[in-house]
Amino acid sequence: KEIHRLSTRDIYYFEVVDNRSFFYCRDSVFESQLKLYEFEQITQGTGFFRASKSMVLNSDKIDFIKPSFSGRFEVMLLNQEKVIVSRRYVSMLKQKMGL
């Protein structure tokens, strides 16, 4: 019911859950009217990359990564939240991390 002004550097990831879009920041979550592809377009050429079918992740907010089962990677963010990068997008993760 409020409108917040966010900078992309404050966003850890953007995710779509049950057809609703959300920005996840360090300590807060904000709902958005943007579609996943629109957010991807806005952040093209930055540290953001597609991490799964429903998530765009900010590589600048990654603390560390480790391989998980089935070719996926587990990512620990700077705010101590864990997210999974799908097998399909692991190559993009490695590219963003310089691996």
PDB file of N, CA and C in Angstrom:
ATOM      1  N   LYS A   1       0.812  -1.193   0.000  1.00  0.00           N
ATOM      2  CA  LYS A   1       0.000   0.000   0.000  1.00  0.00           C
ATOM      3  C   LYS A   1       0.859   1.261   0.000  1.00  0.00           C
ATOM      4  N   GLU A   2       2.175   1.060   0.015  1.00  0.00           N
ATOM      5  CA  GLU A   2       3.102   2.183  -0.064  1.00  0.00           C
ATOM      6  C   GLU A   2       3.953   2.027  -1.318  1.00  0.00           C
ATOM      7  N   ILE A   3       4.512   3.124  -1.750  1.00  0.00           N
ATOM      8  CA  ILE A   3       5.426   3.091  -2.881  1.00  0.00           C
ATOM      9  C   ILE A   3       6.817   3.400  -2.351  1.00  0.00           C
ATOM     10  N   HIS A   4       7.770   2.504  -2.640  1.00  0.00           N
ATOM     11  CA  HIS A   4       9.150   2.667  -2.187  1.00  0.00           C
ATOM     12  C   HIS A   4      10.042   2.860  -3.400  1.00  0.00           C
ATOM     13  N   ARG A   5      11.042   3.666  -3.237  1.00  0.00           N
ATOM     14  CA  ARG A   5      12.030   3.889  -4.282  1.00  0.00           C
ATOM     15  C   ARG A   5      13.260   3.059  -3.925  1.00  0.00           C
ATOM     16  N   LEU A   6      13.622   2.134  -4.822  1.00  0.00           N
ATOM     17  CA  LEU A   6      14.748   1.246  -4.573  1.00  0.00           C
ATOM     18  C   LEU A   6      15.835   1.454  -5.614  1.00  0.00           C
ATOM     19  N   SER A   7      17.061   1.241  -5.213  1.00  0.00           N
ATOM     20  CA  SER A   7      18.189   1.221  -6.136  1.00  0.00           C
ATOM     21  C   SER A   7      18.518  -0.240  -6.423  1.00  0.00           C
ATOM     22  N   THR A   8      18.957  -0.540  -7.631  1.00  0.00           N
ATOM     23  CA  THR A   8      19.290  -1.930  -7.959  1.00  0.00           C
ATOM     24  C   THR A   8      20.417  -2.450  -7.072  1.00  0.00           C
ATOM     25  N   ARG A   9      21.275  -1.580  -6.581  1.00  0.00           N
ATOM     26  CA  ARG A   9      22.363  -2.056  -5.712  1.00  0.00           C
ATOM     27  C   ARG A   9      21.844  -2.539  -4.348  1.00  0.00           C
ATOM     28  N   ASP A  10      20.605  -2.187  -3.994  1.00  0.00           N
ATOM     29  CA  ASP A  10      20.009  -2.649  -2.739  1.00  0.00           C
ATOM     30  C   ASP A  10      19.285  -3.986  -2.892  1.00  0.00           C
ATOM     31  N   ILE A  11      19.082  -4.417  -4.123  1.00  0.00           N
ATOM     32  CA  ILE A  11      18.300  -5.623  -4.395  1.00  0.00           C
ATOM     33  C   ILE A  11      19.205  -6.850  -4.427  1.00  0.00           C
ATOM     34  N   TYR A  12      18.848  -7.855  -3.654  1.00  0.00           N
ATOM     35  CA  TYR A  12      19.583  -9.117  -3.639  1.00  0.00           C
ATOM     36  C   TYR A  12      19.080 -10.019  -4.767  1.00  0.00           C
ATOM     37  N   TYR A  13      17.763 -10.110  -4.906  1.00  0.00           N
ATOM     38  CA  TYR A  13      17.200 -10.855  -6.029  1.00  0.00           C
ATOM     39  C   TYR A  13      15.756 -10.461  -6.263  1.00  0.00           C
ATOM     40  N   PHE A  14      15.301 -10.814  -7.441  1.00  0.00           N
ATOM     41  CA  PHE A  14      13.933 -10.553  -7.881  1.00  0.00           C
ATOM     42  C   PHE A  14      13.332 -11.920  -8.159  1.00  0.00           C
ATOM     43  N   GLU A  15      12.151 -12.179  -7.613  1.00  0.00           N
ATOM     44  CA  GLU A  15      11.557 -13.510  -7.770  1.00  0.00           C
ATOM     45  C   GLU A  15      10.059 -13.412  -8.016  1.00  0.00           C
ATOM     46  N   VAL A  16       9.559 -14.359  -8.791  1.00  0.00           N
ATOM     47  CA  VAL A  16       8.131 -14.480  -9.033  1.00  0.00           C
ATOM     48  C   VAL A  16       7.641 -15.727  -8.298  1.00  0.00           C
ATOM     49  N   VAL A  17       6.632 -15.536  -7.440  1.00  0.00           N
ATOM     50  CA  VAL A  17       6.046 -16.624  -6.659  1.00  0.00           C
ATOM     51  C   VAL A  17       4.528 -16.527  -6.808  1.00  0.00           C
ATOM     52  N   ASP A  18       3.911 -17.589  -7.288  1.00  0.00           N
ATOM     53  CA  ASP A  18       2.453 -17.610  -7.472  1.00  0.00           C
ATOM     54  C   ASP A  18       1.956 -16.409  -8.277  1.00  0.00           C
ATOM     55  N   ASN A  19       2.652 -16.122  -9.371  1.00  0.00           N
ATOM     56  CA  ASN A  19       2.304 -15.018 -10.273  1.00  0.00           C
ATOM     57  C   ASN A  19       2.384 -13.633  -9.627  1.00  0.00           C
ATOM     58  N   ARG A  20       3.099 -13.524  -8.541  1.00  0.00           N
ATOM     59  CA  ARG A  20       3.350 -12.232  -7.891  1.00  0.00           C
ATOM     60  C   ARG A  20       4.849 -12.013  -7.871  1.00  0.00           C
ATOM     61  N   SER A  21       5.276 -10.778  -8.131  1.00  0.00           N
ATOM     62  CA  SER A  21       6.702 -10.449  -8.224  1.00  0.00           C
ATOM     63  C   SER A  21       7.174  -9.730  -6.968  1.00  0.00           C
ATOM     64  N   PHE A  22       8.410 -10.057  -6.551  1.00  0.00           N
ATOM     65  CA  PHE A  22       8.953  -9.492  -5.328  1.00  0.00           C
ATOM     66  C   PHE A  22      10.417  -9.100  -5.498  1.00  0.00           C
ATOM     67  N   PHE A  23      10.813  -7.991  -4.862  1.00  0.00           N
ATOM     68  CA  PHE A  23      12.203  -7.597  -4.709  1.00  0.00           C
ATOM     69  C   PHE A  23      12.617  -8.021  -3.310  1.00  0.00           C
ATOM     70  N   TYR A  24      13.739  -8.704  -3.203  1.00  0.00           N
ATOM     71  CA  TYR A  24      14.267  -9.100  -1.902  1.00  0.00           C
ATOM     72  C   TYR A  24      15.516  -8.264  -1.633  1.00  0.00           C
ATOM     73  N   CYS A  25      15.478  -7.514  -0.549  1.00  0.00           N
ATOM     74  CA  CYS A  25      16.602  -6.688  -0.135  1.00  0.00           C
ATOM     75  C   CYS A  25      17.210  -7.291   1.127  1.00  0.00           C
ATOM     76  N   ARG A  26      18.146  -6.611   1.735  1.00  0.00           N
ATOM     77  CA  ARG A  26      18.852  -7.163   2.904  1.00  0.00           C
ATOM     78  C   ARG A  26      17.886  -7.625   3.992  1.00  0.00           C
ATOM     79  N   ASP A  27      16.979  -6.759   4.387  1.00  0.00           N
ATOM     80  CA  ASP A  27      16.066  -7.079   5.491  1.00  0.00           C
ATOM     81  C   ASP A  27      14.603  -6.940   5.118  1.00  0.00           C
ATOM     82  N   SER A  28      14.314  -6.629   3.869  1.00  0.00           N
ATOM     83  CA  SER A  28      12.938  -6.322   3.477  1.00  0.00           C
ATOM     84  C   SER A  28      12.569  -7.008   2.173  1.00  0.00           C
ATOM     85  N   VAL A  29      11.267  -7.180   1.998  1.00  0.00           N
ATOM     86  CA  VAL A  29      10.718  -7.729   0.759  1.00  0.00           C
ATOM     87  C   VAL A  29       9.656  -6.759   0.269  1.00  0.00           C
ATOM     88  N   PHE A  30       9.706  -6.455  -1.031  1.00  0.00           N
ATOM     89  CA  PHE A  30       8.757  -5.522  -1.629  1.00  0.00           C
ATOM     90  C   PHE A  30       8.081  -6.173  -2.817  1.00  0.00           C
ATOM     91  N   GLU A  31       6.799  -5.992  -2.922  1.00  0.00           N
ATOM     92  CA  GLU A  31       6.072  -6.517  -4.080  1.00  0.00           C
ATOM     93  C   GLU A  31       6.224  -5.549  -5.247  1.00  0.00           C
ATOM     94  N   SER A  32       6.206  -6.099  -6.453  1.00  0.00           N
ATOM     95  CA  SER A  32       6.415  -5.296  -7.651  1.00  0.00           C
ATOM     96  C   SER A  32       5.384  -5.652  -8.718  1.00  0.00           C
ATOM     97  N   GLN A  33       5.141  -4.709  -9.615  1.00  0.00           N
ATOM     98  CA  GLN A  33       4.263  -4.951 -10.753  1.00  0.00           C
ATOM     99  C   GLN A  33       5.049  -5.460 -11.962  1.00  0.00           C
ATOM    100  N   LEU A  34       6.390  -5.440 -11.876  1.00  0.00           N
ATOM    101  CA  LEU A  34       7.223  -5.877 -12.992  1.00  0.00           C
ATOM    102  C   LEU A  34       7.112  -7.377 -13.221  1.00  0.00           C
ATOM    103  N   LYS A  35       7.278  -7.754 -14.459  1.00  0.00           N
ATOM    104  CA  LYS A  35       7.383  -9.172 -14.832  1.00  0.00           C
ATOM    105  C   LYS A  35       8.864  -9.535 -14.802  1.00  0.00           C
ATOM    106  N   LEU A  36       9.167 -10.822 -14.719  1.00  0.00           N
ATOM    107  CA  LEU A  36      10.544 -11.269 -14.641  1.00  0.00           C
ATOM    108  C   LEU A  36      11.361 -10.789 -15.836  1.00  0.00           C
ATOM    109  N   TYR A  37      10.828 -10.929 -17.041  1.00  0.00           N
ATOM    110  CA  TYR A  37      11.558 -10.506 -18.232  1.00  0.00           C
ATOM    111  C   TYR A  37      11.780  -8.992 -18.250  1.00  0.00           C
ATOM    112  N   GLU A  38      10.865  -8.216 -17.684  1.00  0.00           N
ATOM    113  CA  GLU A  38      11.039  -6.763 -17.621  1.00  0.00           C
ATOM    114  C   GLU A  38      12.191  -6.403 -16.684  1.00  0.00           C
ATOM    115  N   PHE A  39      12.261  -7.092 -15.545  1.00  0.00           N
ATOM    116  CA  PHE A  39      13.357  -6.835 -14.617  1.00  0.00           C
ATOM    117  C   PHE A  39      14.687  -7.237 -15.246  1.00  0.00           C
ATOM    118  N   GLU A  40      14.703  -8.349 -15.973  1.00  0.00           N
ATOM    119  CA  GLU A  40      15.920  -8.766 -16.679  1.00  0.00           C
ATOM    120  C   GLU A  40      16.378  -7.699 -17.667  1.00  0.00           C
ATOM    121  N   GLN A  41      15.440  -7.122 -18.386  1.00  0.00           N
ATOM    122  CA  GLN A  41      15.771  -6.080 -19.363  1.00  0.00           C
ATOM    123  C   GLN A  41      16.341  -4.846 -18.670  1.00  0.00           C
ATOM    124  N   ILE A  42      15.732  -4.450 -17.566  1.00  0.00           N
ATOM    125  CA  ILE A  42      16.180  -3.269 -16.825  1.00  0.00           C
ATOM    126  C   ILE A  42      17.603  -3.455 -16.300  1.00  0.00           C
ATOM    127  N   THR A  43      17.943  -4.671 -15.884  1.00  0.00           N
ATOM    128  CA  THR A  43      19.239  -4.923 -15.253  1.00  0.00           C
ATOM    129  C   THR A  43      20.269  -5.522 -16.210  1.00  0.00           C
ATOM    130  N   GLN A  44      19.953  -5.578 -17.478  1.00  0.00           N
ATOM    131  CA  GLN A  44      20.883  -6.124 -18.465  1.00  0.00           C
ATOM    132  C   GLN A  44      22.204  -5.344 -18.428  1.00  0.00           C
ATOM    133  N   GLY A  45      23.315  -6.071 -18.471  1.00  0.00           N
ATOM    134  CA  GLY A  45      24.622  -5.430 -18.436  1.00  0.00           C
ATOM    135  C   GLY A  45      25.124  -5.120 -17.032  1.00  0.00           C
ATOM    136  N   THR A  46      24.397  -5.572 -16.021  1.00  0.00           N
ATOM    137  CA  THR A  46      24.804  -5.369 -14.628  1.00  0.00           C
ATOM    138  C   THR A  46      25.188  -6.724 -14.030  1.00  0.00           C
ATOM    139  N   GLY A  47      25.294  -6.802 -12.726  1.00  0.00           N
ATOM    140  CA  GLY A  47      25.636  -8.039 -12.044  1.00  0.00           C
ATOM    141  C   GLY A  47      24.472  -9.009 -11.902  1.00  0.00           C
ATOM    142  N   PHE A  48      23.290  -8.620 -12.359  1.00  0.00           N
ATOM    143  CA  PHE A  48      22.125  -9.489 -12.250  1.00  0.00           C
ATOM    144  C   PHE A  48      22.141 -10.546 -13.358  1.00  0.00           C
ATOM    145  N   PHE A  49      21.681 -11.741 -13.017  1.00  0.00           N
ATOM    146  CA  PHE A  49      21.582 -12.820 -14.000  1.00  0.00           C
ATOM    147  C   PHE A  49      20.431 -13.746 -13.624  1.00  0.00           C
ATOM    148  N   ARG A  50      19.929 -14.454 -14.615  1.00  0.00           N
ATOM    149  CA  ARG A  50      18.849 -15.417 -14.381  1.00  0.00           C
ATOM    150  C   ARG A  50      19.436 -16.603 -13.624  1.00  0.00           C
ATOM    151  N   ALA A  51      18.849 -16.920 -12.477  1.00  0.00           N
ATOM    152  CA  ALA A  51      19.335 -18.014 -11.636  1.00  0.00           C
ATOM    153  C   ALA A  51      18.409 -19.222 -11.659  1.00  0.00           C
ATOM    154  N   SER A  52      17.166 -19.003 -12.056  1.00  0.00           N
ATOM    155  CA  SER A  52      16.198 -20.088 -12.177  1.00  0.00           C
ATOM    156  C   SER A  52      15.044 -19.590 -13.029  1.00  0.00           C
ATOM    157  N   LYS A  53      14.097 -20.450 -13.233  1.00  0.00           N
ATOM    158  CA  LYS A  53      12.928 -20.089 -14.041  1.00  0.00           C
ATOM    159  C   LYS A  53      12.184 -18.889 -13.469  1.00  0.00           C
ATOM    160  N   SER A  54      12.289 -18.694 -12.163  1.00  0.00           N
ATOM    161  CA  SER A  54      11.508 -17.643 -11.515  1.00  0.00           C
ATOM    162  C   SER A  54      12.335 -16.606 -10.766  1.00  0.00           C
ATOM    163  N   MET A  55      13.678 -16.622 -10.940  1.00  0.00           N
ATOM    164  CA  MET A  55      14.525 -15.729 -10.146  1.00  0.00           C
ATOM    165  C   MET A  55      15.627 -15.084 -10.978  1.00  0.00           C
ATOM    166  N   VAL A  56      15.864 -13.790 -10.692  1.00  0.00           N
ATOM    167  CA  VAL A  56      17.019 -13.054 -11.210  1.00  0.00           C
ATOM    168  C   VAL A  56      17.821 -12.634  -9.984  1.00  0.00           C
ATOM    169  N   LEU A  57      19.095 -13.015  -9.963  1.00  0.00           N
ATOM    170  CA  LEU A  57      19.941 -12.861  -8.781  1.00  0.00           C
ATOM    171  C   LEU A  57      21.031 -11.813  -9.016  1.00  0.00           C
ATOM    172  N   ASN A  58      21.358 -11.054  -7.982  1.00  0.00           N
ATOM    173  CA  ASN A  58      22.411 -10.047  -8.035  1.00  0.00           C
ATOM    174  C   ASN A  58      23.735 -10.694  -7.614  1.00  0.00           C
ATOM    175  N   SER A  59      24.641 -10.875  -8.565  1.00  0.00           N
ATOM    176  CA  SER A  59      25.915 -11.539  -8.261  1.00  0.00           C
ATOM    177  C   SER A  59      26.768 -10.730  -7.282  1.00  0.00           C
ATOM    178  N   ASP A  60      26.526  -9.438  -7.174  1.00  0.00           N
ATOM    179  CA  ASP A  60      27.267  -8.601  -6.231  1.00  0.00           C
ATOM    180  C   ASP A  60      26.896  -8.885  -4.780  1.00  0.00           C
ATOM    181  N   LYS A  61      25.820  -9.602  -4.565  1.00  0.00           N
ATOM    182  CA  LYS A  61      25.357  -9.901  -3.203  1.00  0.00           C
ATOM    183  C   LYS A  61      25.693 -11.330  -2.776  1.00  0.00           C
ATOM    184  N   ILE A  62      26.515 -12.030  -3.566  1.00  0.00           N
ATOM    185  CA  ILE A  62      26.879 -13.407  -3.253  1.00  0.00           C
ATOM    186  C   ILE A  62      28.082 -13.417  -2.312  1.00  0.00           C
ATOM    187  N   ASP A  63      27.947 -14.155  -1.209  1.00  0.00           N
ATOM    188  CA  ASP A  63      29.052 -14.348  -0.277  1.00  0.00           C
ATOM    189  C   ASP A  63      29.901 -15.525  -0.754  1.00  0.00           C
ATOM    190  N   PHE A  64      29.265 -16.690  -0.958  1.00  0.00           N
ATOM    191  CA  PHE A  64      29.978 -17.846  -1.496  1.00  0.00           C
ATOM    192  C   PHE A  64      28.998 -18.788  -2.180  1.00  0.00           C
ATOM    193  N   ILE A  65      29.565 -19.688  -2.977  1.00  0.00           N
ATOM    194  CA  ILE A  65      28.751 -20.683  -3.689  1.00  0.00           C
ATOM    195  C   ILE A  65      29.337 -22.059  -3.417  1.00  0.00           C
ATOM    196  N   LYS A  66      28.468 -23.078  -3.522  1.00  0.00           N
ATOM    197  CA  LYS A  66      28.966 -24.445  -3.420  1.00  0.00           C
ATOM    198  C   LYS A  66      28.063 -25.351  -4.248  1.00  0.00           C
ATOM    199  N   PRO A  67      28.655 -26.364  -4.851  1.00  0.00           N
ATOM    200  CA  PRO A  67      27.862 -27.296  -5.649  1.00  0.00           C
ATOM    201  C   PRO A  67      26.825 -27.997  -4.773  1.00  0.00           C
ATOM    202  N   SER A  68      25.688 -28.252  -5.366  1.00  0.00           N
ATOM    203  CA  SER A  68      24.617 -28.966  -4.686  1.00  0.00           C
ATOM    204  C   SER A  68      24.318 -30.234  -5.489  1.00  0.00           C
ATOM    205  N   PHE A  69      23.265 -30.905  -5.189  1.00  0.00           N
ATOM    206  CA  PHE A  69      22.932 -32.126  -5.918  1.00  0.00           C
ATOM    207  C   PHE A  69      22.320 -31.815  -7.282  1.00  0.00           C
ATOM    208  N   SER A  70      22.404 -32.766  -8.177  1.00  0.00           N
ATOM    209  CA  SER A  70      21.822 -32.690  -9.525  1.00  0.00           C
ATOM    210  C   SER A  70      22.372 -31.545 -10.373  1.00  0.00           C
ATOM    211  N   GLY A  71      23.602 -31.138 -10.127  1.00  0.00           N
ATOM    212  CA  GLY A  71      24.221 -30.101 -10.950  1.00  0.00           C
ATOM    213  C   GLY A  71      23.852 -28.677 -10.577  1.00  0.00           C
ATOM    214  N   ARG A  72      23.031 -28.506  -9.560  1.00  0.00           N
ATOM    215  CA  ARG A  72      22.671 -27.152  -9.115  1.00  0.00           C
ATOM    216  C   ARG A  72      23.744 -26.607  -8.178  1.00  0.00           C
ATOM    217  N   PHE A  73      23.675 -25.301  -7.916  1.00  0.00           N
ATOM    218  CA  PHE A  73      24.594 -24.673  -6.974  1.00  0.00           C
ATOM    219  C   PHE A  73      23.793 -23.991  -5.876  1.00  0.00           C
ATOM    220  N   GLU A  74      24.309 -24.097  -4.652  1.00  0.00           N
ATOM    221  CA  GLU A  74      23.722 -23.387  -3.523  1.00  0.00           C
ATOM    222  C   GLU A  74      24.507 -22.096  -3.358  1.00  0.00           C
ATOM    223  N   VAL A  75      23.795 -20.996  -3.229  1.00  0.00           N
ATOM    224  CA  VAL A  75      24.417 -19.684  -3.104  1.00  0.00           C
ATOM    225  C   VAL A  75      24.067 -19.091  -1.743  1.00  0.00           C
ATOM    226  N   MET A  76      25.091 -18.677  -1.012  1.00  0.00           N
ATOM    227  CA  MET A  76      24.876 -17.977   0.253  1.00  0.00           C
ATOM    228  C   MET A  76      25.040 -16.489  -0.037  1.00  0.00           C
ATOM    229  N   LEU A  77      24.012 -15.728   0.269  1.00  0.00           N
ATOM    230  CA  LEU A  77      24.046 -14.294   0.036  1.00  0.00           C
ATOM    231  C   LEU A  77      24.653 -13.575   1.241  1.00  0.00           C
ATOM    232  N   LEU A  78      24.999 -12.328   1.051  1.00  0.00           N
ATOM    233  CA  LEU A  78      25.626 -11.545   2.126  1.00  0.00           C
ATOM    234  C   LEU A  78      24.728 -11.384   3.344  1.00  0.00           C
ATOM    235  N   ASN A  79      23.411 -11.509   3.154  1.00  0.00           N
ATOM    236  CA  ASN A  79      22.478 -11.404   4.277  1.00  0.00           C
ATOM    237  C   ASN A  79      22.196 -12.764   4.920  1.00  0.00           C
ATOM    238  N   GLN A  80      23.018 -13.774   4.573  1.00  0.00           N
ATOM    239  CA  GLN A  80      22.939 -15.138   5.114  1.00  0.00           C
ATOM    240  C   GLN A  80      21.732 -15.929   4.599  1.00  0.00           C
ATOM    241  N   GLU A  81      21.113 -15.488   3.547  1.00  0.00           N
ATOM    242  CA  GLU A  81      20.016 -16.229   2.930  1.00  0.00           C
ATOM    243  C   GLU A  81      20.598 -17.167   1.873  1.00  0.00           C
ATOM    244  N   LYS A  82      20.047 -18.393   1.814  1.00  0.00           N
ATOM    245  CA  LYS A  82      20.484 -19.364   0.818  1.00  0.00           C
ATOM    246  C   LYS A  82      19.479 -19.408  -0.325  1.00  0.00           C
ATOM    247  N   VAL A  83      19.994 -19.428  -1.555  1.00  0.00           N
ATOM    248  CA  VAL A  83      19.155 -19.613  -2.736  1.00  0.00           C
ATOM    249  C   VAL A  83      19.830 -20.657  -3.623  1.00  0.00           C
ATOM    250  N   ILE A  84      19.052 -21.257  -4.495  1.00  0.00           N
ATOM    251  CA  ILE A  84      19.557 -22.290  -5.394  1.00  0.00           C
ATOM    252  C   ILE A  84      19.598 -21.753  -6.818  1.00  0.00           C
ATOM    253  N   VAL A  85      20.720 -21.992  -7.497  1.00  0.00           N
ATOM    254  CA  VAL A  85      20.840 -21.678  -8.911  1.00  0.00           C
ATOM    255  C   VAL A  85      20.606 -22.979  -9.673  1.00  0.00           C
ATOM    256  N   SER A  86      19.631 -22.960 -10.555  1.00  0.00           N
ATOM    257  CA  SER A  86      19.284 -24.145 -11.331  1.00  0.00           C
ATOM    258  C   SER A  86      20.427 -24.572 -12.237  1.00  0.00           C
ATOM    259  N   ARG A  87      20.475 -25.849 -12.504  1.00  0.00           N
ATOM    260  CA  ARG A  87      21.514 -26.437 -13.352  1.00  0.00           C
ATOM    261  C   ARG A  87      21.642 -25.693 -14.679  1.00  0.00           C
ATOM    262  N   ARG A  88      20.526 -25.312 -15.249  1.00  0.00           N
ATOM    263  CA  ARG A  88      20.503 -24.618 -16.540  1.00  0.00           C
ATOM    264  C   ARG A  88      21.250 -23.277 -16.500  1.00  0.00           C
ATOM    265  N   TYR A  89      21.318 -22.631 -15.335  1.00  0.00           N
ATOM    266  CA  TYR A  89      21.903 -21.297 -15.214  1.00  0.00           C
ATOM    267  C   TYR A  89      23.247 -21.277 -14.489  1.00  0.00           C
ATOM    268  N   VAL A  90      23.797 -22.443 -14.175  1.00  0.00           N
ATOM    269  CA  VAL A  90      25.078 -22.520 -13.470  1.00  0.00           C
ATOM    270  C   VAL A  90      26.199 -21.886 -14.293  1.00  0.00           C
ATOM    271  N   SER A  91      26.177 -22.060 -15.606  1.00  0.00           N
ATOM    272  CA  SER A  91      27.240 -21.479 -16.435  1.00  0.00           C
ATOM    273  C   SER A  91      27.234 -19.947 -16.339  1.00  0.00           C
ATOM    274  N   MET A  92      26.056 -19.344 -16.252  1.00  0.00           N
ATOM    275  CA  MET A  92      25.965 -17.892 -16.095  1.00  0.00           C
ATOM    276  C   MET A  92      26.497 -17.472 -14.727  1.00  0.00           C
ATOM    277  N   LEU A  93      26.192 -18.250 -13.696  1.00  0.00           N
ATOM    278  CA  LEU A  93      26.722 -17.984 -12.359  1.00  0.00           C
ATOM    279  C   LEU A  93      28.249 -18.005 -12.391  1.00  0.00           C
ATOM    280  N   LYS A  94      28.814 -19.034 -12.993  1.00  0.00           N
ATOM    281  CA  LYS A  94      30.269 -19.146 -13.065  1.00  0.00           C
ATOM    282  C   LYS A  94      30.861 -17.964 -13.830  1.00  0.00           C
ATOM    283  N   GLN A  95      30.218 -17.552 -14.888  1.00  0.00           N
ATOM    284  CA  GLN A  95      30.698 -16.412 -15.655  1.00  0.00           C
ATOM    285  C   GLN A  95      30.680 -15.145 -14.818  1.00  0.00           C
ATOM    286  N   LYS A  96      29.583 -14.909 -14.112  1.00  0.00           N
ATOM    287  CA  LYS A  96      29.465 -13.708 -13.276  1.00  0.00           C
ATOM    288  C   LYS A  96      30.478 -13.712 -12.136  1.00  0.00           C
ATOM    289  N   MET A  97      30.842 -14.919 -11.647  1.00  0.00           N
ATOM    290  CA  MET A  97      31.790 -15.029 -10.546  1.00  0.00           C
ATOM    291  C   MET A  97      33.239 -15.107 -11.037  1.00  0.00           C
ATOM    292  N   GLY A  98      33.433 -15.127 -12.359  1.00  0.00           N
ATOM    293  CA  GLY A  98      34.781 -15.180 -12.921  1.00  0.00           C
ATOM    294  C   GLY A  98      35.433 -16.539 -12.794  1.00  0.00           C
ATOM    295  N   LEU A  99      34.622 -17.584 -12.822  1.00  0.00           N
ATOM    296  CA  LEU A  99      35.149 -18.963 -12.705  1.00  0.00           C
ATOM    297  C   LEU A  99      35.259 -19.638 -14.055  1.00  0.00           C
TER     298      LEU A  99
END
